[in-house]
Protein backbone atom coordinates (compact mmCIF):
# COMPACT_ATOMS: atom_id res chain seq x y z
CA MET A 1 39.58 -38.57 -71.18
CA ARG A 2 43.21 -39.39 -70.57
CA SER A 3 44.04 -42.00 -67.96
CA ILE A 4 46.64 -41.27 -65.28
CA TRP A 5 47.12 -44.84 -64.03
CA ASN A 6 46.64 -48.35 -65.38
CA GLY A 7 46.19 -51.35 -63.14
CA ALA A 8 43.55 -53.77 -61.90
CA ILE A 9 40.89 -54.06 -59.23
CA SER A 10 41.49 -57.09 -57.02
CA PHE A 11 38.08 -58.45 -56.03
CA GLY A 12 38.90 -61.68 -54.19
CA LEU A 13 40.33 -63.94 -56.89
CA VAL A 14 38.75 -61.78 -59.61
CA SER A 15 41.00 -59.29 -61.38
CA ILE A 16 39.43 -56.39 -63.29
CA PRO A 17 41.82 -54.39 -65.54
CA VAL A 18 40.96 -50.69 -65.23
CA LYS A 19 42.16 -47.22 -66.14
CA LEU A 20 42.16 -44.42 -63.58
CA ILE A 21 40.78 -41.09 -64.86
CA ASN A 22 40.46 -37.80 -63.00
CA ALA A 23 36.77 -37.17 -62.27
CA THR A 24 37.20 -33.47 -61.46
CA GLU A 25 38.93 -30.47 -62.98
CA ASN A 26 39.99 -27.14 -61.56
CA HIS A 27 38.48 -24.06 -63.22
CA ALA A 28 40.10 -21.53 -60.92
CA ILE A 29 41.83 -18.61 -62.67
CA SER A 30 45.54 -18.58 -61.91
CA PHE A 31 47.73 -15.47 -61.90
CA ARG A 32 51.43 -15.02 -62.58
CA GLN A 33 53.77 -13.05 -60.40
CA VAL A 34 55.14 -10.00 -62.23
CA HIS A 35 57.56 -7.19 -61.50
CA LEU A 36 55.38 -4.12 -60.78
CA GLU A 37 57.96 -1.74 -62.25
CA ASP A 38 58.19 -3.22 -65.75
CA GLY A 39 55.70 -6.13 -65.80
CA GLY A 40 58.40 -8.76 -66.20
CA ARG A 41 57.64 -12.35 -65.12
CA ILE A 42 58.97 -13.49 -61.76
CA ARG A 43 60.35 -17.02 -62.09
CA TYR A 44 61.76 -19.49 -59.60
CA ARG A 45 64.92 -21.31 -60.49
CA LYS A 46 66.18 -24.49 -58.89
CA VAL A 47 69.58 -23.69 -57.48
CA CYS A 48 72.02 -25.95 -55.65
CA GLU A 49 72.84 -24.14 -52.42
CA LEU A 50 76.31 -25.72 -52.22
CA GLU A 51 77.43 -24.74 -55.68
CA ASP A 52 75.13 -21.71 -56.00
CA LYS A 53 74.19 -22.59 -59.55
CA GLU A 54 70.98 -23.54 -61.37
CA VAL A 55 70.50 -27.26 -62.05
CA GLU A 56 68.37 -29.18 -64.57
CA SER A 57 65.50 -31.50 -63.65
CA ALA A 58 67.54 -34.55 -64.67
CA GLU A 59 70.06 -33.72 -61.94
CA ILE A 60 67.47 -33.57 -59.16
CA GLY A 61 66.65 -36.59 -56.96
CA LYS A 62 64.89 -37.28 -53.65
CA GLY A 63 66.23 -36.97 -50.15
CA TYR A 64 64.87 -37.17 -46.60
CA GLU A 65 65.89 -34.45 -44.17
CA ASP A 66 66.70 -35.88 -40.77
CA ALA A 67 66.04 -34.19 -37.44
CA ASP A 68 69.62 -32.89 -37.26
CA GLY A 69 69.33 -31.28 -40.71
CA SER A 70 71.32 -33.90 -42.62
CA VAL A 71 69.81 -35.20 -45.89
CA ILE A 72 69.57 -38.94 -46.60
CA PRO A 73 69.42 -39.66 -50.35
CA ILE A 74 66.52 -41.86 -51.52
CA THR A 75 66.72 -43.37 -55.00
CA GLU A 76 64.00 -44.73 -57.26
CA GLU A 77 65.52 -48.18 -56.82
CA ASP A 78 65.07 -47.90 -53.06
CA LEU A 79 61.38 -47.09 -53.51
CA ALA A 80 60.85 -49.82 -56.12
CA ALA A 81 62.30 -52.44 -53.75
CA LEU A 82 59.67 -51.72 -51.09
CA PRO A 83 57.03 -54.48 -50.63
CA THR A 84 54.13 -52.44 -52.05
CA HIS A 85 51.79 -54.99 -53.60
CA THR A 86 49.26 -52.24 -54.38
CA ALA A 87 51.59 -50.54 -56.87
CA LYS A 88 49.41 -51.64 -59.77
CA THR A 89 46.41 -53.02 -57.91
CA ILE A 90 43.34 -51.53 -56.26
CA GLU A 91 42.91 -54.11 -53.52
CA ILE A 92 39.38 -54.24 -52.09
CA LEU A 93 39.50 -54.85 -48.35
CA ALA A 94 35.83 -54.79 -47.33
CA PHE A 95 32.32 -53.65 -48.17
CA VAL A 96 30.64 -51.24 -45.73
CA PRO A 97 27.56 -48.96 -45.65
CA ALA A 98 28.25 -45.57 -47.20
CA ASP A 99 27.47 -43.71 -43.96
CA ARG A 100 30.39 -45.47 -42.27
CA VAL A 101 32.79 -43.25 -44.24
CA ASP A 102 33.32 -39.84 -42.66
CA PRO A 103 33.07 -37.06 -45.31
CA LEU A 104 36.14 -35.48 -43.67
CA GLN A 105 38.18 -38.30 -45.19
CA MET A 106 37.06 -37.56 -48.77
CA ASP A 107 39.86 -36.57 -51.12
CA THR A 108 40.36 -36.58 -54.90
CA ALA A 109 37.74 -38.37 -57.03
CA TYR A 110 38.47 -40.66 -59.97
CA TYR A 111 36.53 -42.63 -62.56
CA LEU A 112 37.44 -46.27 -63.17
CA SER A 113 37.13 -47.39 -66.79
CA ALA A 114 37.16 -51.02 -67.91
CA ASN A 115 40.46 -51.60 -69.71
CA GLY A 116 39.65 -53.94 -72.59
CA VAL A 117 36.75 -56.12 -73.70
CA HIS A 118 37.63 -58.96 -71.32
CA ALA A 119 37.26 -56.57 -68.37
CA THR A 120 33.63 -55.70 -69.19
CA LYS A 121 31.98 -58.71 -67.50
CA PRO A 122 33.79 -58.55 -64.11
CA TYR A 123 33.51 -54.73 -64.16
CA THR A 124 29.73 -54.98 -64.61
CA LEU A 125 29.52 -57.69 -61.94
CA LEU A 126 31.21 -55.50 -59.32
CA ARG A 127 29.10 -52.50 -60.30
CA GLU A 128 25.82 -54.37 -59.99
CA ALA A 129 26.91 -56.01 -56.72
CA LEU A 130 27.56 -52.56 -55.22
CA LYS A 131 24.20 -51.30 -56.48
CA GLN A 132 22.28 -54.22 -55.05
CA SER A 133 24.02 -54.20 -51.67
CA ARG A 134 23.88 -50.40 -51.38
CA LYS A 135 27.38 -50.50 -49.97
CA VAL A 136 30.76 -49.04 -50.88
CA ALA A 137 34.07 -50.85 -51.21
CA ILE A 138 37.07 -49.84 -49.12
CA ALA A 139 40.34 -50.45 -50.94
CA LYS A 140 44.07 -49.73 -50.93
CA PHE A 141 45.99 -48.47 -53.94
CA ALA A 142 49.34 -46.83 -54.69
CA LEU A 143 49.63 -43.60 -56.69
CA ARG A 144 52.44 -41.08 -57.12
CA GLY A 145 54.86 -42.82 -54.83
CA ARG A 146 52.62 -43.51 -51.85
CA GLU A 147 49.99 -46.00 -50.75
CA ARG A 148 46.52 -44.55 -50.36
CA LEU A 149 43.10 -45.48 -49.07
CA GLY A 150 40.13 -45.44 -51.43
CA MET A 151 36.37 -45.87 -51.55
CA LEU A 152 34.63 -47.36 -54.59
CA ARG A 153 31.01 -46.50 -55.35
CA VAL A 154 28.67 -46.40 -58.33
CA VAL A 155 27.94 -43.14 -60.19
CA ASP A 156 25.31 -43.72 -62.87
CA ASP A 157 26.75 -46.77 -64.63
CA VAL A 158 30.39 -46.08 -63.81
CA LEU A 159 32.61 -47.18 -60.95
CA ALA A 160 34.05 -44.16 -59.18
CA MET A 161 36.79 -44.09 -56.55
CA HIS A 162 37.37 -41.42 -53.93
CA GLY A 163 40.79 -41.15 -52.40
CA LEU A 164 40.47 -41.21 -48.62
CA LEU A 165 42.70 -39.73 -45.99
CA TRP A 166 44.02 -42.23 -43.50
CA PRO A 167 42.21 -42.11 -40.13
CA ASP A 168 45.32 -40.76 -38.37
CA GLU A 169 45.38 -37.82 -40.84
CA ILE A 170 42.06 -36.47 -39.51
CA ARG A 171 42.52 -34.02 -36.67
CA ALA A 172 40.35 -34.32 -33.58
CA PRO A 173 38.02 -31.29 -33.17
CA GLN A 174 39.52 -30.28 -29.84
CA ASP A 175 38.79 -26.75 -28.57
CA VAL A 176 36.79 -25.98 -31.70
CA ALA A 177 33.25 -26.07 -30.30
CA PRO A 178 32.05 -23.06 -28.24
CA ASP A 179 33.17 -23.41 -24.63
CA THR A 180 30.21 -21.39 -23.31
CA HIS A 181 27.00 -23.26 -22.52
CA VAL A 182 23.92 -21.73 -24.13
CA THR A 183 20.28 -22.79 -24.18
CA VAL A 184 18.39 -22.81 -27.47
CA ARG A 185 14.67 -22.21 -27.07
CA ASP A 186 11.98 -24.13 -28.95
CA ALA A 187 10.74 -20.93 -30.60
CA GLU A 188 14.23 -20.30 -31.99
CA LEU A 189 14.43 -23.85 -33.32
CA ASP A 190 10.99 -23.42 -34.94
CA LEU A 191 12.12 -20.26 -36.70
CA ALA A 192 15.39 -21.84 -37.81
CA ASP A 193 13.42 -24.78 -39.16
CA ALA A 194 11.02 -22.40 -40.93
CA LEU A 195 13.97 -20.61 -42.53
CA MET A 196 15.38 -23.93 -43.75
CA ASP A 197 11.99 -24.90 -45.22
CA THR A 198 11.58 -21.50 -46.91
CA LEU A 199 15.02 -21.62 -48.50
CA GLY A 200 14.11 -25.09 -49.72
CA GLU A 201 16.31 -27.24 -51.91
CA VAL A 202 18.67 -26.29 -54.73
CA ASP A 203 19.55 -27.78 -58.08
CA MET A 204 23.26 -28.47 -57.63
CA ASP A 205 23.83 -28.26 -61.39
CA SER A 206 22.58 -24.66 -61.40
CA LEU A 207 25.29 -23.42 -59.01
CA HIS A 208 28.22 -21.53 -60.53
CA ASP A 209 31.21 -19.45 -59.47
CA ASP A 210 30.13 -15.79 -59.59
CA TYR A 211 33.56 -14.55 -58.55
CA ARG A 212 35.30 -16.42 -61.38
CA ALA A 213 32.77 -15.02 -63.87
CA ALA A 214 33.46 -11.49 -62.61
CA VAL A 215 37.24 -12.03 -62.92
CA GLU A 216 36.84 -13.33 -66.49
CA GLU A 217 34.68 -10.32 -67.38
CA MET A 218 37.26 -7.96 -65.88
CA ILE A 219 40.11 -9.63 -67.82
CA ALA A 220 38.10 -9.46 -71.07
CA ALA A 221 37.45 -5.74 -70.50
CA LYS A 222 41.14 -5.08 -69.89
CA THR A 223 42.12 -7.12 -72.97
CA SER A 224 39.78 -5.16 -75.23
CA GLY A 225 40.94 -1.84 -73.77
CA GLU A 226 37.61 -1.00 -72.19
CA GLY A 227 37.36 0.54 -68.77
CA VAL A 228 36.61 -1.70 -65.85
CA THR A 229 33.28 -0.92 -64.18
CA GLU A 230 33.65 -0.81 -60.44
CA THR A 231 31.05 -2.78 -58.56
CA PRO A 232 29.97 -1.23 -55.25
CA THR A 233 31.18 -3.28 -52.34
CA ALA A 234 28.47 -4.69 -50.13
CA PRO A 235 28.66 -3.53 -46.52
CA GLU A 236 30.30 -6.02 -44.27
CA GLY A 237 27.98 -7.90 -42.00
CA GLY A 238 28.01 -10.91 -39.79
CA GLY A 239 31.05 -9.80 -37.84
CA GLY A 240 29.14 -8.04 -35.11
CA LYS A 241 27.26 -9.34 -32.13
CA VAL A 242 23.74 -10.66 -32.69
CA LEU A 243 21.59 -8.61 -30.32
CA ASP A 244 18.24 -10.29 -31.00
CA LEU A 245 18.42 -13.80 -32.46
CA MET A 246 14.64 -14.13 -32.78
CA ALA A 247 14.39 -10.86 -34.74
CA ALA A 248 17.26 -11.90 -36.99
CA LEU A 249 15.58 -15.25 -37.71
CA GLU A 250 12.21 -13.65 -38.40
CA ASN A 251 13.78 -11.10 -40.77
CA SER A 252 15.68 -13.89 -42.50
CA VAL A 253 12.47 -15.88 -43.05
CA ARG A 254 10.77 -12.77 -44.44
CA ALA A 255 13.68 -12.01 -46.76
CA ALA A 256 13.86 -15.61 -47.96
CA LYS A 257 10.12 -15.63 -48.70
CA GLY A 258 10.43 -12.37 -50.63
CA ALA A 259 13.36 -13.64 -52.67
CA LYS A 260 11.56 -16.91 -53.36
CA ALA A 261 8.39 -15.13 -54.44
CA GLY A 262 10.39 -12.81 -56.69
CA SER A 263 12.22 -15.65 -58.39
CA ASP A 264 8.97 -17.59 -58.87
CA SER A 265 7.10 -14.64 -60.42
CA GLY A 266 10.04 -13.79 -62.66
CA GLY A 267 9.98 -17.08 -64.56
CA ALA A 268 7.45 -16.72 -67.39
CA ALA A 269 8.20 -20.15 -68.75
CA GLY A 270 7.69 -21.81 -65.38
CA ALA A 271 4.39 -20.00 -64.91
CA ALA A 272 3.25 -21.08 -68.34
CA ASP A 273 3.98 -24.69 -67.51
CA GLY A 274 2.05 -24.46 -64.27
CA GLU A 275 5.10 -25.00 -62.07
CA VAL A 276 4.56 -23.47 -58.64
CA ALA A 277 7.19 -23.63 -55.94
CA GLU A 278 6.04 -24.98 -52.60
CA VAL A 279 6.95 -22.64 -49.76
CA THR A 280 6.35 -23.42 -46.09
CA HIS A 281 4.94 -20.21 -44.63
CA LEU A 282 5.76 -19.30 -41.06
CA ALA A 283 2.11 -18.54 -40.23
CA GLY A 284 1.14 -22.11 -40.96
CA ARG A 285 3.65 -23.68 -38.60
CA THR A 286 2.80 -24.97 -35.13
CA ARG A 287 4.29 -22.62 -32.60
CA LYS A 288 4.66 -23.77 -29.00
CA LYS A 289 4.82 -20.29 -27.59
CA ALA A 290 1.61 -18.77 -28.91
CA ALA A 291 -1.75 -20.53 -29.31
CA PRO A 292 -3.30 -20.32 -32.78
CA LYS A 293 -6.02 -17.72 -33.20
CA LYS A 294 -9.58 -18.93 -33.83
CA LYS A 295 -10.97 -17.96 -37.20
CA THR A 296 -14.52 -16.52 -37.33
CA ALA A 297 -16.69 -17.51 -40.23
CA PRO A 298 -17.34 -14.56 -42.56
CA ALA A 299 -20.92 -13.25 -42.75
CA ALA A 300 -22.88 -14.29 -45.80
CA LYS A 301 -22.95 -11.60 -48.43
CA LYS A 302 -26.26 -10.38 -49.85
CA PRO A 303 -26.62 -10.95 -53.57
CA ALA A 304 -25.96 -7.80 -55.53
CA ALA A 305 -28.72 -6.52 -57.76
CA ALA A 306 -28.05 -6.44 -61.47
CA LYS A 307 -27.63 -2.99 -62.93
CA GLY A 308 -29.68 -3.81 -65.97
CA GLY A 309 -30.20 -6.15 -68.88
CA SER A 310 -31.66 -9.59 -69.12
CA GLY A 311 -28.39 -11.35 -68.32
CA GLY A 312 -28.48 -10.70 -64.56
CA SER A 313 -30.25 -13.55 -62.77
CA GLY A 314 -29.94 -11.77 -59.41
CA GLY A 315 -32.14 -8.90 -60.63
CA SER A 316 -34.99 -11.18 -61.81
CA VAL A 317 -34.96 -13.16 -58.55
CA LYS A 318 -35.19 -9.97 -56.56
CA LYS A 319 -38.08 -8.67 -58.69
CA THR A 320 -39.98 -11.95 -58.33
CA ASP A 321 -39.58 -11.84 -54.55
CA ALA A 322 -40.77 -8.22 -54.46
CA ALA A 323 -43.85 -9.00 -56.57
CA ALA A 324 -44.75 -11.94 -54.37
CA ALA A 325 -44.40 -9.80 -51.25
CA THR A 326 -46.60 -7.06 -52.74
CA LYS A 327 -49.28 -9.57 -53.76
CA LYS A 328 -49.27 -11.14 -50.31
CA LYS A 329 -49.55 -7.72 -48.68
CA SER A 330 -52.51 -6.76 -50.90
CA ALA A 331 -54.28 -10.04 -50.13
CA THR A 332 -53.80 -9.49 -46.40
CA ALA A 333 -55.15 -5.95 -46.65
CA ALA A 334 -58.21 -7.12 -48.64
CA THR A 335 -58.99 -9.82 -46.09
CA ALA A 336 -58.76 -7.34 -43.23
CA LYS A 337 -61.05 -4.87 -45.02
CA LYS A 338 -63.64 -7.60 -45.70
CA LYS A 339 -63.67 -8.65 -42.07
CA SER A 340 -64.06 -5.02 -40.99
CA THR A 341 -66.98 -4.48 -43.35
CA LYS A 342 -68.75 -7.63 -42.18
CA SER A 343 -68.30 -6.69 -38.56
CA THR A 344 -69.72 -3.23 -39.19
CA ALA A 345 -72.70 -4.61 -41.07
CA SER A 346 -73.57 -7.01 -38.26
CA LYS A 347 -73.42 -4.29 -35.63
CA SER A 348 -75.62 -1.77 -37.43
CA PRO A 349 -79.06 -3.60 -37.22
CA ALA A 350 -78.65 -4.10 -33.52
CA LYS A 351 -78.28 -0.39 -32.98
CA LYS A 352 -81.44 0.30 -35.01
CA THR A 353 -83.50 -2.24 -33.04
CA SER A 354 -82.36 -0.75 -29.81
CA ALA A 355 -83.36 2.68 -31.00
CA ARG A 356 -86.83 1.51 -31.99
CA LYS A 357 -87.47 0.01 -28.60
CA LYS A 358 -86.66 3.25 -26.84
CA ALA A 359 -89.02 5.31 -29.03
CA PRO A 360 -92.58 6.13 -27.63
CA ALA A 361 -95.62 4.43 -29.13
């Protein structure tokens, strides 16, 4: 990668020669302005308004426009004479916790590369010191004609620097927050939290610009002479008034669960590897408004009888029980019959004796 600035990091009395490299790149598709009638390019020319003629870049300098409209010329010599000791130095001012830096101040990101073999040791020392302290370095540096504020941190094994806006360049959020007082209920917070859990996390590396991809596809179709397929425009939403916030949250949770389930079932490779996404279901959350319903234990199911064959163990158990019951019933019946017979036999002689006594001699 090509460096855009060469200088040194000033770390106390330690000087670390470095190269400054852009850490980001812009992939946005740019368009040219054309004349609709004939397709000719529209160009801007630099014209001197006093002479009304086009001038070359070598003839153009800097100037500051005063309040009364007059222009004060500023030369490169004037700028070079300014006491800017950070012109070629990234001067570290302090080390602070990362959360002390407001993300609103974040600007362009750069990589810092060690410039030469002799810079390797102090470069590694600063990198490891930042890792161990879990802090970031606040520094000043000059780039493109102005002094800037920067923040140094470690990305993998590389020192990175974020340009920071100066504190007085951050606007105060006056009159931005809603001026109407509203009360958010616990049930609404529970549903919002459930929606956040259902949506889950995202792999940042998997995100891409769908609009740019569609523009590239459209340009490729026009280049090859094919017709451009019109994509139906989604109905506009979100601009109206929310009539029922609870219903909107519940529907959002349902839709998120459906989308999550669809994406999980669609991945054959993930299913083969046994990867299952963890989803926090709304029914399992503790709700303050409604008490949880008590679950009744299901009744025990009777074992089903086997339809046939020797493989069904349920059938043999049932037959064994039936045989035992039949045998027990037969034994009971036999015992009762025996008792009845004995009782009858014992009663019969008594009747005969009684009859004999009553008979005449």
